[in-house]
Amino acid sequence: MIILFKTSKLEKLCNDEKLMIKRYGPLRCKLLKRRLNELGAANVLEDIRKLPQTRCHELLHNRKGQLSVDLDHPYRLIFEPANNPVPRKPDGELDWTKVTEITIIGVEDTHDQ
């Protein structure tokens, strides 16, 4: 899967282990690297959905259109499909089998919102 980043600052952070450890600590850094590697190795988003440890799911309410995967509780890696247009099924739901590009939005506790 193609991984894009919302900002160049976020891209730099996610590609520099020392910066990640400084910002998130060693455990979250390790999990963040793992999730980014899993996402990068996937052909389509459906591949990630099948990995139980990621708990990949669509978000609701003011985060509709975004997805997340677990890091260390309660933090999640937040992203959105970057395909243009976003692949949809006939019923309007996201077609996970056709999402081949994502944009990383950040690392957040979505329960704080």
PDB file of N, CA and C in Angstrom:
ATOM      1  N   MET A   1       0.849  -1.168   0.000  1.00  0.00           N
ATOM      2  CA  MET A   1       0.000   0.000   0.000  1.00  0.00           C
ATOM      3  C   MET A   1       0.900   1.238   0.000  1.00  0.00           C
ATOM      4  N   ILE A   2       0.426   2.259  -0.645  1.00  0.00           N
ATOM      5  CA  ILE A   2       1.150   3.530  -0.681  1.00  0.00           C
ATOM      6  C   ILE A   2       0.765   4.327   0.562  1.00  0.00           C
ATOM      7  N   ILE A   3       1.781   4.803   1.286  1.00  0.00           N
ATOM      8  CA  ILE A   3       1.543   5.575   2.509  1.00  0.00           C
ATOM      9  C   ILE A   3       1.977   7.011   2.281  1.00  0.00           C
ATOM     10  N   LEU A   4       1.035   7.921   2.451  1.00  0.00           N
ATOM     11  CA  LEU A   4       1.287   9.357   2.379  1.00  0.00           C
ATOM     12  C   LEU A   4       1.124   9.927   3.788  1.00  0.00           C
ATOM     13  N   PHE A   5       1.537  11.159   3.976  1.00  0.00           N
ATOM     14  CA  PHE A   5       1.426  11.794   5.283  1.00  0.00           C
ATOM     15  C   PHE A   5       0.750  13.141   5.145  1.00  0.00           C
ATOM     16  N   LYS A   6      -0.050  13.499   6.137  1.00  0.00           N
ATOM     17  CA  LYS A   6      -0.790  14.759   6.114  1.00  0.00           C
ATOM     18  C   LYS A   6       0.148  15.956   6.059  1.00  0.00           C
ATOM     19  N   THR A   7       1.276  15.869   6.763  1.00  0.00           N
ATOM     20  CA  THR A   7       2.251  16.960   6.766  1.00  0.00           C
ATOM     21  C   THR A   7       3.668  16.404   6.603  1.00  0.00           C
ATOM     22  N   SER A   8       4.559  17.232   6.138  1.00  0.00           N
ATOM     23  CA  SER A   8       5.961  16.813   6.009  1.00  0.00           C
ATOM     24  C   SER A   8       6.583  16.608   7.392  1.00  0.00           C
ATOM     25  N   LYS A   9       6.121  17.351   8.384  1.00  0.00           N
ATOM     26  CA  LYS A   9       6.614  17.192   9.752  1.00  0.00           C
ATOM     27  C   LYS A   9       6.264  15.796  10.278  1.00  0.00           C
ATOM     28  N   LEU A  10       5.031  15.361  10.026  1.00  0.00           N
ATOM     29  CA  LEU A  10       4.596  14.031  10.454  1.00  0.00           C
ATOM     30  C   LEU A  10       5.379  12.946   9.710  1.00  0.00           C
ATOM     31  N   GLU A  11       5.620  13.161   8.428  1.00  0.00           N
ATOM     32  CA  GLU A  11       6.393  12.195   7.645  1.00  0.00           C
ATOM     33  C   GLU A  11       7.811  12.064   8.204  1.00  0.00           C
ATOM     34  N   LYS A  12       8.428  13.196   8.522  1.00  0.00           N
ATOM     35  CA  LYS A  12       9.775  13.171   9.088  1.00  0.00           C
ATOM     36  C   LYS A  12       9.778  12.428  10.415  1.00  0.00           C
ATOM     37  N   LEU A  13       8.808  12.697  11.266  1.00  0.00           N
ATOM     38  CA  LEU A  13       8.700  12.047  12.561  1.00  0.00           C
ATOM     39  C   LEU A  13       8.566  10.533  12.401  1.00  0.00           C
ATOM     40  N   CYS A  14       7.715  10.096  11.479  1.00  0.00           N
ATOM     41  CA  CYS A  14       7.445   8.663  11.296  1.00  0.00           C
ATOM     42  C   CYS A  14       8.576   7.927  10.587  1.00  0.00           C
ATOM     43  N   ASN A  15       9.539   8.655  10.064  1.00  0.00           N
ATOM     44  CA  ASN A  15      10.665   8.031   9.385  1.00  0.00           C
ATOM     45  C   ASN A  15      11.979   8.195  10.137  1.00  0.00           C
ATOM     46  N   ASP A  16      11.892   8.688  11.379  1.00  0.00           N
ATOM     47  CA  ASP A  16      13.093   8.892  12.185  1.00  0.00           C
ATOM     48  C   ASP A  16      12.861   8.278  13.566  1.00  0.00           C
ATOM     49  N   GLU A  17      13.467   7.115  13.798  1.00  0.00           N
ATOM     50  CA  GLU A  17      13.230   6.391  15.046  1.00  0.00           C
ATOM     51  C   GLU A  17      13.588   7.210  16.285  1.00  0.00           C
ATOM     52  N   LYS A  18      14.681   7.967  16.223  1.00  0.00           N
ATOM     53  CA  LYS A  18      15.072   8.781  17.381  1.00  0.00           C
ATOM     54  C   LYS A  18      14.004   9.818  17.707  1.00  0.00           C
ATOM     55  N   LEU A  19      13.469  10.467  16.669  1.00  0.00           N
ATOM     56  CA  LEU A  19      12.400  11.448  16.896  1.00  0.00           C
ATOM     57  C   LEU A  19      11.142  10.776  17.444  1.00  0.00           C
ATOM     58  N   MET A  20      10.832   9.587  16.915  1.00  0.00           N
ATOM     59  CA  MET A  20       9.645   8.864  17.391  1.00  0.00           C
ATOM     60  C   MET A  20       9.775   8.509  18.862  1.00  0.00           C
ATOM     61  N   ILE A  21      10.943   8.007  19.255  1.00  0.00           N
ATOM     62  CA  ILE A  21      11.152   7.634  20.661  1.00  0.00           C
ATOM     63  C   ILE A  21      11.046   8.867  21.549  1.00  0.00           C
ATOM     64  N   LYS A  22      11.646   9.967  21.106  1.00  0.00           N
ATOM     65  CA  LYS A  22      11.595  11.203  21.890  1.00  0.00           C
ATOM     66  C   LYS A  22      10.152  11.684  22.064  1.00  0.00           C
ATOM     67  N   ARG A  23       9.363  11.573  20.997  1.00  0.00           N
ATOM     68  CA  ARG A  23       7.982  12.077  21.032  1.00  0.00           C
ATOM     69  C   ARG A  23       7.012  11.113  21.717  1.00  0.00           C
ATOM     70  N   TYR A  24       7.147   9.815  21.418  1.00  0.00           N
ATOM     71  CA  TYR A  24       6.145   8.837  21.866  1.00  0.00           C
ATOM     72  C   TYR A  24       6.631   7.829  22.892  1.00  0.00           C
ATOM     73  N   GLY A  25       7.936   7.751  23.127  1.00  0.00           N
ATOM     74  CA  GLY A  25       8.474   6.742  24.026  1.00  0.00           C
ATOM     75  C   GLY A  25       8.755   5.453  23.269  1.00  0.00           C
ATOM     76  N   PRO A  26       9.548   4.556  23.876  1.00  0.00           N
ATOM     77  CA  PRO A  26       9.983   3.355  23.161  1.00  0.00           C
ATOM     78  C   PRO A  26       8.864   2.379  22.794  1.00  0.00           C
ATOM     79  N   LEU A  27       7.888   2.171  23.654  1.00  0.00           N
ATOM     80  CA  LEU A  27       6.821   1.215  23.361  1.00  0.00           C
ATOM     81  C   LEU A  27       5.947   1.687  22.197  1.00  0.00           C
ATOM     82  N   ARG A  28       5.454   2.914  22.275  1.00  0.00           N
ATOM     83  CA  ARG A  28       4.596   3.424  21.199  1.00  0.00           C
ATOM     84  C   ARG A  28       5.389   3.527  19.891  1.00  0.00           C
ATOM     85  N   CYS A  29       6.657   3.889  19.976  1.00  0.00           N
ATOM     86  CA  CYS A  29       7.510   3.941  18.789  1.00  0.00           C
ATOM     87  C   CYS A  29       7.586   2.561  18.134  1.00  0.00           C
ATOM     88  N   LYS A  30       7.808   1.528  18.935  1.00  0.00           N
ATOM     89  CA  LYS A  30       7.903   0.159  18.411  1.00  0.00           C
ATOM     90  C   LYS A  30       6.599  -0.250  17.718  1.00  0.00           C
ATOM     91  N   LEU A  31       5.485   0.029  18.358  1.00  0.00           N
ATOM     92  CA  LEU A  31       4.184  -0.327  17.785  1.00  0.00           C
ATOM     93  C   LEU A  31       3.859   0.507  16.547  1.00  0.00           C
ATOM     94  N   LEU A  32       4.214   1.773  16.568  1.00  0.00           N
ATOM     95  CA  LEU A  32       3.982   2.642  15.418  1.00  0.00           C
ATOM     96  C   LEU A  32       4.789   2.156  14.209  1.00  0.00           C
ATOM     97  N   LYS A  33       6.043   1.822  14.429  1.00  0.00           N
ATOM     98  CA  LYS A  33       6.867   1.284  13.342  1.00  0.00           C
ATOM     99  C   LYS A  33       6.262  -0.009  12.793  1.00  0.00           C
ATOM    100  N   ARG A  34       5.791  -0.877  13.696  1.00  0.00           N
ATOM    101  CA  ARG A  34       5.183  -2.140  13.275  1.00  0.00           C
ATOM    102  C   ARG A  34       3.951  -1.888  12.414  1.00  0.00           C
ATOM    103  N   ARG A  35       3.080  -0.976  12.860  1.00  0.00           N
ATOM    104  CA  ARG A  35       1.858  -0.697  12.099  1.00  0.00           C
ATOM    105  C   ARG A  35       2.184  -0.080  10.739  1.00  0.00           C
ATOM    106  N   LEU A  36       3.143   0.828  10.699  1.00  0.00           N
ATOM    107  CA  LEU A  36       3.523   1.429   9.423  1.00  0.00           C
ATOM    108  C   LEU A  36       4.087   0.366   8.475  1.00  0.00           C
ATOM    109  N   ASN A  37       4.875  -0.553   9.014  1.00  0.00           N
ATOM    110  CA  ASN A  37       5.412  -1.649   8.192  1.00  0.00           C
ATOM    111  C   ASN A  37       4.299  -2.560   7.695  1.00  0.00           C
ATOM    112  N   GLU A  38       3.333  -2.873   8.565  1.00  0.00           N
ATOM    113  CA  GLU A  38       2.202  -3.720   8.160  1.00  0.00           C
ATOM    114  C   GLU A  38       1.388  -3.039   7.063  1.00  0.00           C
ATOM    115  N   LEU A  39       1.128  -1.756   7.240  1.00  0.00           N
ATOM    116  CA  LEU A  39       0.376  -1.011   6.231  1.00  0.00           C
ATOM    117  C   LEU A  39       1.139  -0.954   4.913  1.00  0.00           C
ATOM    118  N   GLY A  40       2.433  -0.723   4.979  1.00  0.00           N
ATOM    119  CA  GLY A  40       3.243  -0.649   3.775  1.00  0.00           C
ATOM    120  C   GLY A  40       3.345  -1.977   3.043  1.00  0.00           C
ATOM    121  N   ALA A  41       3.300  -3.072   3.786  1.00  0.00           N
ATOM    122  CA  ALA A  41       3.410  -4.406   3.181  1.00  0.00           C
ATOM    123  C   ALA A  41       2.082  -4.901   2.608  1.00  0.00           C
ATOM    124  N   ALA A  42       0.983  -4.298   3.027  1.00  0.00           N
ATOM    125  CA  ALA A  42      -0.336  -4.734   2.556  1.00  0.00           C
ATOM    126  C   ALA A  42      -0.564  -4.319   1.111  1.00  0.00           C
ATOM    127  N   ASN A  43      -1.270  -5.159   0.369  1.00  0.00           N
ATOM    128  CA  ASN A  43      -1.655  -4.797  -0.996  1.00  0.00           C
ATOM    129  C   ASN A  43      -2.866  -3.873  -0.983  1.00  0.00           C
ATOM    130  N   VAL A  44      -3.812  -4.180  -0.105  1.00  0.00           N
ATOM    131  CA  VAL A  44      -5.044  -3.398   0.039  1.00  0.00           C
ATOM    132  C   VAL A  44      -5.390  -3.303   1.520  1.00  0.00           C
ATOM    133  N   LEU A  45      -6.238  -2.383   1.877  1.00  0.00           N
ATOM    134  CA  LEU A  45      -6.602  -2.165   3.269  1.00  0.00           C
ATOM    135  C   LEU A  45      -7.247  -3.396   3.898  1.00  0.00           C
ATOM    136  N   GLU A  46      -7.946  -4.183   3.105  1.00  0.00           N
ATOM    137  CA  GLU A  46      -8.581  -5.417   3.617  1.00  0.00           C
ATOM    138  C   GLU A  46      -7.549  -6.337   4.262  1.00  0.00           C
ATOM    139  N   ASP A  47      -6.316  -6.338   3.766  1.00  0.00           N
ATOM    140  CA  ASP A  47      -5.258  -7.171   4.344  1.00  0.00           C
ATOM    141  C   ASP A  47      -5.004  -6.794   5.806  1.00  0.00           C
ATOM    142  N   ILE A  48      -5.074  -5.516   6.119  1.00  0.00           N
ATOM    143  CA  ILE A  48      -4.851  -5.041   7.488  1.00  0.00           C
ATOM    144  C   ILE A  48      -6.039  -5.388   8.372  1.00  0.00           C
ATOM    145  N   ARG A  49      -7.210  -5.311   7.816  1.00  0.00           N
ATOM    146  CA  ARG A  49      -8.434  -5.632   8.557  1.00  0.00           C
ATOM    147  C   ARG A  49      -8.402  -7.061   9.070  1.00  0.00           C
ATOM    148  N   LYS A  50      -7.716  -7.947   8.361  1.00  0.00           N
ATOM    149  CA  LYS A  50      -7.649  -9.365   8.730  1.00  0.00           C
ATOM    150  C   LYS A  50      -6.659  -9.636   9.863  1.00  0.00           C
ATOM    151  N   LEU A  51      -5.819  -8.660  10.202  1.00  0.00           N
ATOM    152  CA  LEU A  51      -4.855  -8.838  11.296  1.00  0.00           C
ATOM    153  C   LEU A  51      -5.520  -8.453  12.612  1.00  0.00           C
ATOM    154  N   PRO A  52      -5.813  -9.426  13.478  1.00  0.00           N
ATOM    155  CA  PRO A  52      -6.574  -9.112  14.700  1.00  0.00           C
ATOM    156  C   PRO A  52      -5.875  -8.126  15.634  1.00  0.00           C
ATOM    157  N   GLN A  53      -4.544  -8.134  15.675  1.00  0.00           N
ATOM    158  CA  GLN A  53      -3.833  -7.251  16.595  1.00  0.00           C
ATOM    159  C   GLN A  53      -3.949  -5.783  16.221  1.00  0.00           C
ATOM    160  N   THR A  54      -4.331  -5.496  14.965  1.00  0.00           N
ATOM    161  CA  THR A  54      -4.417  -4.090  14.558  1.00  0.00           C
ATOM    162  C   THR A  54      -5.748  -3.453  14.952  1.00  0.00           C
ATOM    163  N   ARG A  55      -6.797  -4.272  15.033  1.00  0.00           N
ATOM    164  CA  ARG A  55      -8.156  -3.775  15.286  1.00  0.00           C
ATOM    165  C   ARG A  55      -8.470  -2.586  14.371  1.00  0.00           C
ATOM    166  N   CYS A  56      -8.195  -2.748  13.097  1.00  0.00           N
ATOM    167  CA  CYS A  56      -8.447  -1.699  12.116  1.00  0.00           C
ATOM    168  C   CYS A  56      -9.947  -1.500  11.942  1.00  0.00           C
ATOM    169  N   HIS A  57     -10.381  -0.252  12.100  1.00  0.00           N
ATOM    170  CA  HIS A  57     -11.805   0.019  11.956  1.00  0.00           C
ATOM    171  C   HIS A  57     -12.047   1.465  11.546  1.00  0.00           C
ATOM    172  N   GLU A  58     -13.226   1.670  10.988  1.00  0.00           N
ATOM    173  CA  GLU A  58     -13.642   3.020  10.594  1.00  0.00           C
ATOM    174  C   GLU A  58     -14.100   3.774  11.829  1.00  0.00           C
ATOM    175  N   LEU A  59     -13.833   5.063  11.851  1.00  0.00           N
ATOM    176  CA  LEU A  59     -14.237   5.907  12.970  1.00  0.00           C
ATOM    177  C   LEU A  59     -15.597   6.538  12.673  1.00  0.00           C
ATOM    178  N   LEU A  60     -16.197   7.081  13.698  1.00  0.00           N
ATOM    179  CA  LEU A  60     -17.556   7.605  13.594  1.00  0.00           C
ATOM    180  C   LEU A  60     -17.608   9.096  13.900  1.00  0.00           C
ATOM    181  N   HIS A  61     -18.791   9.641  13.780  1.00  0.00           N
ATOM    182  CA  HIS A  61     -19.131  11.022  14.152  1.00  0.00           C
ATOM    183  C   HIS A  61     -18.247  12.039  13.433  1.00  0.00           C
ATOM    184  N   ASN A  62     -17.520  12.865  14.196  1.00  0.00           N
ATOM    185  CA  ASN A  62     -16.715  13.920  13.571  1.00  0.00           C
ATOM    186  C   ASN A  62     -15.459  13.372  12.893  1.00  0.00           C
ATOM    187  N   ARG A  63     -15.238  12.073  12.997  1.00  0.00           N
ATOM    188  CA  ARG A  63     -14.089  11.432  12.347  1.00  0.00           C
ATOM    189  C   ARG A  63     -14.527  10.495  11.218  1.00  0.00           C
ATOM    190  N   LYS A  64     -15.762  10.647  10.777  1.00  0.00           N
ATOM    191  CA  LYS A  64     -16.268   9.809   9.692  1.00  0.00           C
ATOM    192  C   LYS A  64     -15.357   9.966   8.472  1.00  0.00           C
ATOM    193  N   GLY A  65     -15.017   8.838   7.845  1.00  0.00           N
ATOM    194  CA  GLY A  65     -14.103   8.850   6.711  1.00  0.00           C
ATOM    195  C   GLY A  65     -12.675   8.517   7.109  1.00  0.00           C
ATOM    196  N   GLN A  66     -12.411   8.522   8.420  1.00  0.00           N
ATOM    197  CA  GLN A  66     -11.083   8.167   8.918  1.00  0.00           C
ATOM    198  C   GLN A  66     -11.120   6.757   9.491  1.00  0.00           C
ATOM    199  N   LEU A  67      -9.939   6.145   9.592  1.00  0.00           N
ATOM    200  CA  LEU A  67      -9.798   4.814  10.163  1.00  0.00           C
ATOM    201  C   LEU A  67      -8.682   4.850  11.191  1.00  0.00           C
ATOM    202  N   SER A  68      -8.612   3.784  12.001  1.00  0.00           N
ATOM    203  CA  SER A  68      -7.521   3.705  12.963  1.00  0.00           C
ATOM    204  C   SER A  68      -7.083   2.268  13.161  1.00  0.00           C
ATOM    205  N   VAL A  69      -5.832   2.132  13.615  1.00  0.00           N
ATOM    206  CA  VAL A  69      -5.302   0.853  14.070  1.00  0.00           C
ATOM    207  C   VAL A  69      -4.732   1.076  15.466  1.00  0.00           C
ATOM    208  N   ASP A  70      -4.775   0.035  16.282  1.00  0.00           N
ATOM    209  CA  ASP A  70      -4.307   0.130  17.657  1.00  0.00           C
ATOM    210  C   ASP A  70      -2.802   0.299  17.751  1.00  0.00           C
ATOM    211  N   LEU A  71      -2.409   1.104  18.728  1.00  0.00           N
ATOM    212  CA  LEU A  71      -1.020   1.169  19.176  1.00  0.00           C
ATOM    213  C   LEU A  71      -1.062   0.694  20.623  1.00  0.00           C
ATOM    214  N   ASP A  72      -0.575   1.507  21.563  1.00  0.00           N
ATOM    215  CA  ASP A  72      -0.722   1.174  22.984  1.00  0.00           C
ATOM    216  C   ASP A  72      -1.951   1.918  23.498  1.00  0.00           C
ATOM    217  N   HIS A  73      -2.794   1.210  24.252  1.00  0.00           N
ATOM    218  CA  HIS A  73      -4.060   1.788  24.701  1.00  0.00           C
ATOM    219  C   HIS A  73      -3.810   3.070  25.474  1.00  0.00           C
ATOM    220  N   PRO A  74      -4.523   4.130  25.194  1.00  0.00           N
ATOM    221  CA  PRO A  74      -5.652   4.289  24.290  1.00  0.00           C
ATOM    222  C   PRO A  74      -5.263   4.908  22.931  1.00  0.00           C
ATOM    223  N   TYR A  75      -3.979   4.867  22.591  1.00  0.00           N
ATOM    224  CA  TYR A  75      -3.518   5.555  21.378  1.00  0.00           C
ATOM    225  C   TYR A  75      -3.712   4.715  20.122  1.00  0.00           C
ATOM    226  N   ARG A  76      -4.011   5.430  19.036  1.00  0.00           N
ATOM    227  CA  ARG A  76      -4.240   4.799  17.742  1.00  0.00           C
ATOM    228  C   ARG A  76      -3.562   5.609  16.645  1.00  0.00           C
ATOM    229  N   LEU A  77      -3.198   4.894  15.589  1.00  0.00           N
ATOM    230  CA  LEU A  77      -2.688   5.537  14.386  1.00  0.00           C
ATOM    231  C   LEU A  77      -3.895   5.852  13.517  1.00  0.00           C
ATOM    232  N   ILE A  78      -4.095   7.134  13.204  1.00  0.00           N
ATOM    233  CA  ILE A  78      -5.264   7.594  12.461  1.00  0.00           C
ATOM    234  C   ILE A  78      -4.869   7.855  11.011  1.00  0.00           C
ATOM    235  N   PHE A  79      -5.700   7.376  10.088  1.00  0.00           N
ATOM    236  CA  PHE A  79      -5.423   7.584   8.667  1.00  0.00           C
ATOM    237  C   PHE A  79      -6.724   7.617   7.887  1.00  0.00           C
ATOM    238  N   GLU A  80      -6.619   7.968   6.616  1.00  0.00           N
ATOM    239  CA  GLU A  80      -7.789   7.977   5.742  1.00  0.00           C
ATOM    240  C   GLU A  80      -7.390   7.471   4.362  1.00  0.00           C
ATOM    241  N   PRO A  81      -8.345   6.912   3.640  1.00  0.00           N
ATOM    242  CA  PRO A  81      -8.037   6.466   2.278  1.00  0.00           C
ATOM    243  C   PRO A  81      -7.596   7.656   1.437  1.00  0.00           C
ATOM    244  N   ALA A  82      -6.589   7.441   0.581  1.00  0.00           N
ATOM    245  CA  ALA A  82      -6.084   8.525  -0.258  1.00  0.00           C
ATOM    246  C   ALA A  82      -6.372   8.291  -1.734  1.00  0.00           C
ATOM    247  N   ASN A  83      -6.992   7.157  -2.065  1.00  0.00           N
ATOM    248  CA  ASN A  83      -7.359   6.921  -3.459  1.00  0.00           C
ATOM    249  C   ASN A  83      -8.309   8.024  -3.904  1.00  0.00           C
ATOM    250  N   ASN A  84      -8.186   8.448  -5.148  1.00  0.00           N
ATOM    251  CA  ASN A  84      -9.071   9.484  -5.669  1.00  0.00           C
ATOM    252  C   ASN A  84      -9.752   8.954  -6.922  1.00  0.00           C
ATOM    253  N   PRO A  85     -11.046   8.665  -6.849  1.00  0.00           N
ATOM    254  CA  PRO A  85     -11.940   8.820  -5.710  1.00  0.00           C
ATOM    255  C   PRO A  85     -11.770   7.676  -4.710  1.00  0.00           C
ATOM    256  N   VAL A  86     -12.274   7.891  -3.509  1.00  0.00           N
ATOM    257  CA  VAL A  86     -12.255   6.844  -2.485  1.00  0.00           C
ATOM    258  C   VAL A  86     -13.154   5.706  -2.971  1.00  0.00           C
ATOM    259  N   PRO A  87     -12.637   4.461  -2.988  1.00  0.00           N
ATOM    260  CA  PRO A  87     -13.440   3.325  -3.470  1.00  0.00           C
ATOM    261  C   PRO A  87     -14.649   3.061  -2.570  1.00  0.00           C
ATOM    262  N   ARG A  88     -15.797   2.964  -3.182  1.00  0.00           N
ATOM    263  CA  ARG A  88     -17.045   2.720  -2.456  1.00  0.00           C
ATOM    264  C   ARG A  88     -17.781   1.537  -3.069  1.00  0.00           C
ATOM    265  N   LYS A  89     -18.497   0.823  -2.224  1.00  0.00           N
ATOM    266  CA  LYS A  89     -19.390  -0.244  -2.680  1.00  0.00           C
ATOM    267  C   LYS A  89     -20.680   0.408  -3.170  1.00  0.00           C
ATOM    268  N   PRO A  90     -21.522  -0.343  -3.866  1.00  0.00           N
ATOM    269  CA  PRO A  90     -22.799   0.226  -4.335  1.00  0.00           C
ATOM    270  C   PRO A  90     -23.656   0.831  -3.222  1.00  0.00           C
ATOM    271  N   ASP A  91     -23.532   0.290  -1.993  1.00  0.00           N
ATOM    272  CA  ASP A  91     -24.323   0.822  -0.870  1.00  0.00           C
ATOM    273  C   ASP A  91     -23.686   2.054  -0.236  1.00  0.00           C
ATOM    274  N   GLY A  92     -22.533   2.507  -0.775  1.00  0.00           N
ATOM    275  CA  GLY A  92     -21.882   3.710  -0.265  1.00  0.00           C
ATOM    276  C   GLY A  92     -20.804   3.441   0.779  1.00  0.00           C
ATOM    277  N   GLU A  93     -20.721   2.216   1.274  1.00  0.00           N
ATOM    278  CA  GLU A  93     -19.705   1.875   2.267  1.00  0.00           C
ATOM    279  C   GLU A  93     -18.323   1.822   1.622  1.00  0.00           C
ATOM    280  N   LEU A  94     -17.288   2.009   2.428  1.00  0.00           N
ATOM    281  CA  LEU A  94     -15.912   1.943   1.959  1.00  0.00           C
ATOM    282  C   LEU A  94     -15.621   0.542   1.430  1.00  0.00           C
ATOM    283  N   ASP A  95     -15.002   0.450   0.268  1.00  0.00           N
ATOM    284  CA  ASP A  95     -14.610  -0.847  -0.286  1.00  0.00           C
ATOM    285  C   ASP A  95     -13.156  -1.110   0.107  1.00  0.00           C
ATOM    286  N   TRP A  96     -12.977  -1.809   1.204  1.00  0.00           N
ATOM    287  CA  TRP A  96     -11.662  -2.090   1.776  1.00  0.00           C
ATOM    288  C   TRP A  96     -10.776  -2.861   0.806  1.00  0.00           C
ATOM    289  N   THR A  97     -11.376  -3.601  -0.121  1.00  0.00           N
ATOM    290  CA  THR A  97     -10.598  -4.429  -1.051  1.00  0.00           C
ATOM    291  C   THR A  97      -9.976  -3.607  -2.182  1.00  0.00           C
ATOM    292  N   LYS A  98     -10.324  -2.324  -2.263  1.00  0.00           N
ATOM    293  CA  LYS A  98      -9.800  -1.477  -3.342  1.00  0.00           C
ATOM    294  C   LYS A  98      -9.000  -0.279  -2.850  1.00  0.00           C
ATOM    295  N   VAL A  99      -8.861  -0.137  -1.536  1.00  0.00           N
ATOM    296  CA  VAL A  99      -8.063   0.969  -0.995  1.00  0.00           C
ATOM    297  C   VAL A  99      -6.593   0.567  -1.067  1.00  0.00           C
ATOM    298  N   THR A 100      -5.827   1.280  -1.878  1.00  0.00           N
ATOM    299  CA  THR A 100      -4.411   0.983  -2.082  1.00  0.00           C
ATOM    300  C   THR A 100      -3.494   2.129  -1.652  1.00  0.00           C
ATOM    301  N   GLU A 101      -4.090   3.238  -1.221  1.00  0.00           N
ATOM    302  CA  GLU A 101      -3.329   4.399  -0.762  1.00  0.00           C
ATOM    303  C   GLU A 101      -3.995   4.973   0.487  1.00  0.00           C
ATOM    304  N   ILE A 102      -3.166   5.364   1.444  1.00  0.00           N
ATOM    305  CA  ILE A 102      -3.702   6.001   2.649  1.00  0.00           C
ATOM    306  C   ILE A 102      -2.870   7.229   2.986  1.00  0.00           C
ATOM    307  N   THR A 103      -3.487   8.137   3.733  1.00  0.00           N
ATOM    308  CA  THR A 103      -2.783   9.305   4.269  1.00  0.00           C
ATOM    309  C   THR A 103      -2.800   9.204   5.787  1.00  0.00           C
ATOM    310  N   ILE A 104      -1.617   9.184   6.385  1.00  0.00           N
ATOM    311  CA  ILE A 104      -1.493   9.151   7.842  1.00  0.00           C
ATOM    312  C   ILE A 104      -1.815  10.544   8.373  1.00  0.00           C
ATOM    313  N   ILE A 105      -2.736  10.592   9.336  1.00  0.00           N
ATOM    314  CA  ILE A 105      -3.157  11.867   9.921  1.00  0.00           C
ATOM    315  C   ILE A 105      -2.441  12.134  11.237  1.00  0.00           C
ATOM    316  N   GLY A 106      -2.227  11.089  12.042  1.00  0.00           N
ATOM    317  CA  GLY A 106      -1.535  11.290  13.302  1.00  0.00           C
ATOM    318  C   GLY A 106      -1.693  10.136  14.255  1.00  0.00           C
ATOM    319  N   VAL A 107      -1.121  10.318  15.441  1.00  0.00           N
ATOM    320  CA  VAL A 107      -1.215   9.365  16.537  1.00  0.00           C
ATOM    321  C   VAL A 107      -1.996  10.063  17.631  1.00  0.00           C
ATOM    322  N   GLU A 108      -3.158   9.485  17.984  1.00  0.00           N
ATOM    323  CA  GLU A 108      -4.044  10.188  18.908  1.00  0.00           C
ATOM    324  C   GLU A 108      -4.803   9.223  19.808  1.00  0.00           C
ATOM    325  N   ASP A 109      -5.308   9.767  20.889  1.00  0.00           N
ATOM    326  CA  ASP A 109      -6.306   9.087  21.715  1.00  0.00           C
ATOM    327  C   ASP A 109      -7.646   9.618  21.245  1.00  0.00           C
ATOM    328  N   THR A 110      -8.357   8.828  20.452  1.00  0.00           N
ATOM    329  CA  THR A 110      -9.622   9.291  19.868  1.00  0.00           C
ATOM    330  C   THR A 110     -10.722   9.428  20.909  1.00  0.00           C
ATOM    331  N   HIS A 111     -10.506   8.887  22.098  1.00  0.00           N
ATOM    332  CA  HIS A 111     -11.521   8.994  23.154  1.00  0.00           C
ATOM    333  C   HIS A 111     -11.489  10.357  23.843  1.00  0.00           C
ATOM    334  N   ASP A 112     -10.423  11.142  23.608  1.00  0.00           N
ATOM    335  CA  ASP A 112     -10.309  12.488  24.176  1.00  0.00           C
ATOM    336  C   ASP A 112     -11.170  13.497  23.429  1.00  0.00           C
ATOM    337  N   GLN A 113     -11.649  13.116  22.266  1.00  0.00           N
ATOM    338  CA  GLN A 113     -12.356  14.044  21.394  1.00  0.00           C
ATOM    339  C   GLN A 113     -13.734  14.374  21.912  1.00  0.00           C
TER     340      GLN A 113
END
